[in-house]
Amino acid sequence: MKNILFFGNSLTAGFGLRNAETESFPALIGQKINAAHLDYRIINAGLSGDTSTGGLNRINYWISQYIEVFVLELGINDIIRGIRPQTTLGNLQAITDKVKIKYPGVKMGLMGM
């Protein structure tokens, strides 16, 4: 089974939904994957309130298991907190660099705000 890691903030975690385990966007994509009988497992590493700095601090834990696809969704909380765009960009680049160094063949999806 291949792993897809969704790494982000409350939008990934499904904060505010009735049932985040079935209604978050990673869960909905997982349902489509299952319906198509594809051999992928969804890993939801969404953390409500997370910033790009927080993501950079926790990425090593999440890439300790093999991943084939990496979906990054961070940055909106940086804007809300007034973090400089250059800092956010640097953190997001460092996250993607860490993933690519560990898994050079990984497929990436970057979700923009």
Protein backbone atom coordinates (compact mmCIF):
# COMPACT_ATOMS: atom_id res chain seq x y z
CA MET A 1 0.00 0.00 0.00
CA LYS A 2 1.26 3.47 -0.92
CA ASN A 3 0.99 6.40 1.49
CA ILE A 4 -0.33 9.87 0.72
CA LEU A 5 0.60 12.40 3.41
CA PHE A 6 -1.63 15.44 3.76
CA PHE A 7 0.33 17.98 5.81
CA GLY A 8 -1.36 21.19 6.84
CA ASN A 9 -3.46 23.19 9.27
CA SER A 10 -7.15 23.22 10.24
CA LEU A 11 -8.26 22.96 6.61
CA THR A 12 -6.46 19.63 6.38
CA ALA A 13 -7.44 18.54 9.89
CA GLY A 14 -11.11 19.27 9.19
CA PHE A 15 -11.58 21.68 12.08
CA GLY A 16 -15.20 22.71 12.55
CA LEU A 17 -16.69 19.86 10.55
CA ARG A 18 -19.24 17.53 12.14
CA ASN A 19 -16.95 14.57 11.54
CA ALA A 20 -13.41 15.44 10.49
CA GLU A 21 -12.52 11.77 10.01
CA THR A 22 -15.04 11.45 7.18
CA GLU A 23 -15.55 15.05 5.97
CA SER A 24 -12.06 16.60 5.82
CA PHE A 25 -10.66 17.02 2.34
CA PRO A 26 -8.09 14.22 2.87
CA ALA A 27 -10.94 11.93 3.97
CA LEU A 28 -13.02 12.84 0.92
CA ILE A 29 -10.08 12.16 -1.40
CA GLY A 30 -9.54 8.87 0.44
CA GLN A 31 -13.15 7.91 -0.23
CA LYS A 32 -12.64 8.54 -3.96
CA ILE A 33 -9.43 6.50 -3.90
CA ASN A 34 -11.18 3.61 -2.14
CA ALA A 35 -14.10 3.73 -4.57
CA ALA A 36 -11.61 3.45 -7.44
CA HIS A 37 -9.93 0.48 -5.69
CA LEU A 38 -6.54 2.18 -5.71
CA ASP A 39 -3.82 0.95 -3.39
CA TYR A 40 -3.26 4.13 -1.35
CA ARG A 41 -3.56 4.96 2.33
CA ILE A 42 -4.39 8.49 3.47
CA ILE A 43 -2.40 9.99 6.34
CA ASN A 44 -3.96 13.18 7.70
CA ALA A 45 -1.27 15.26 9.41
CA GLY A 46 -3.42 18.37 9.73
CA LEU A 47 -2.99 20.44 12.89
CA SER A 48 -5.39 23.27 13.59
CA GLY A 49 -3.69 26.63 14.03
CA ASP A 50 -0.38 25.42 12.61
CA THR A 51 1.99 27.82 10.90
CA SER A 52 4.77 27.15 8.44
CA THR A 53 7.24 27.32 11.35
CA GLY A 54 5.24 24.71 13.25
CA GLY A 55 5.10 22.56 10.14
CA LEU A 56 8.84 22.79 9.69
CA ASN A 57 9.30 21.73 13.31
CA ARG A 58 7.09 18.64 12.93
CA ILE A 59 7.79 17.44 9.38
CA ASN A 60 10.56 14.99 10.35
CA TYR A 61 8.13 12.95 12.44
CA TRP A 62 5.67 12.60 9.57
CA ILE A 63 8.23 11.63 6.95
CA SER A 64 9.65 8.89 9.15
CA GLN A 65 7.31 6.51 7.28
CA TYR A 66 7.60 6.05 3.54
CA ILE A 67 5.37 8.31 1.44
CA GLU A 68 4.66 8.30 -2.28
CA VAL A 69 2.62 11.51 -2.40
CA PHE A 70 2.98 14.65 -0.27
CA VAL A 71 0.27 17.33 -0.15
CA LEU A 72 1.28 20.57 1.59
CA GLU A 73 -1.36 23.03 2.82
CA LEU A 74 0.14 25.66 5.14
CA GLY A 75 0.42 29.44 5.19
CA ILE A 76 -2.94 30.97 6.03
CA ASN A 77 -2.18 31.10 9.76
CA ASP A 78 1.10 32.84 8.96
CA ILE A 79 -0.88 35.57 7.21
CA ILE A 80 -3.33 35.86 10.09
CA ARG A 81 -0.44 36.21 12.56
CA GLY A 82 1.40 38.77 10.45
CA ILE A 83 4.40 36.58 9.73
CA ARG A 84 6.56 38.01 6.98
CA PRO A 85 5.95 36.37 3.58
CA GLN A 86 9.69 35.76 3.19
CA THR A 87 9.67 33.72 6.41
CA THR A 88 6.68 31.69 5.26
CA LEU A 89 8.25 31.06 1.86
CA GLY A 90 11.52 29.96 3.47
CA ASN A 91 9.72 27.57 5.81
CA LEU A 92 7.61 26.06 3.01
CA GLN A 93 10.71 25.63 0.87
CA ALA A 94 12.54 23.95 3.76
CA ILE A 95 9.60 21.56 4.28
CA THR A 96 9.49 20.57 0.61
CA ASP A 97 13.29 20.25 0.53
CA LYS A 98 13.24 17.86 3.51
CA VAL A 99 10.59 15.72 1.86
CA LYS A 100 12.39 15.63 -1.50
CA ILE A 101 15.74 14.81 0.09
CA LYS A 102 14.23 11.90 2.01
CA TYR A 103 12.03 10.70 -0.90
CA PRO A 104 13.44 11.97 -4.21
CA GLY A 105 10.67 10.37 -6.27
CA VAL A 106 7.79 11.74 -4.20
CA LYS A 107 4.91 13.40 -6.02
CA MET A 108 3.95 16.75 -4.50
CA GLY A 109 0.83 18.81 -4.39
CA LEU A 110 0.98 22.35 -3.04
CA MET A 111 -2.30 23.91 -1.92
CA GLY A 112 -2.23 27.69 -2.21
CA MET A 113 -4.17 30.23 -0.19
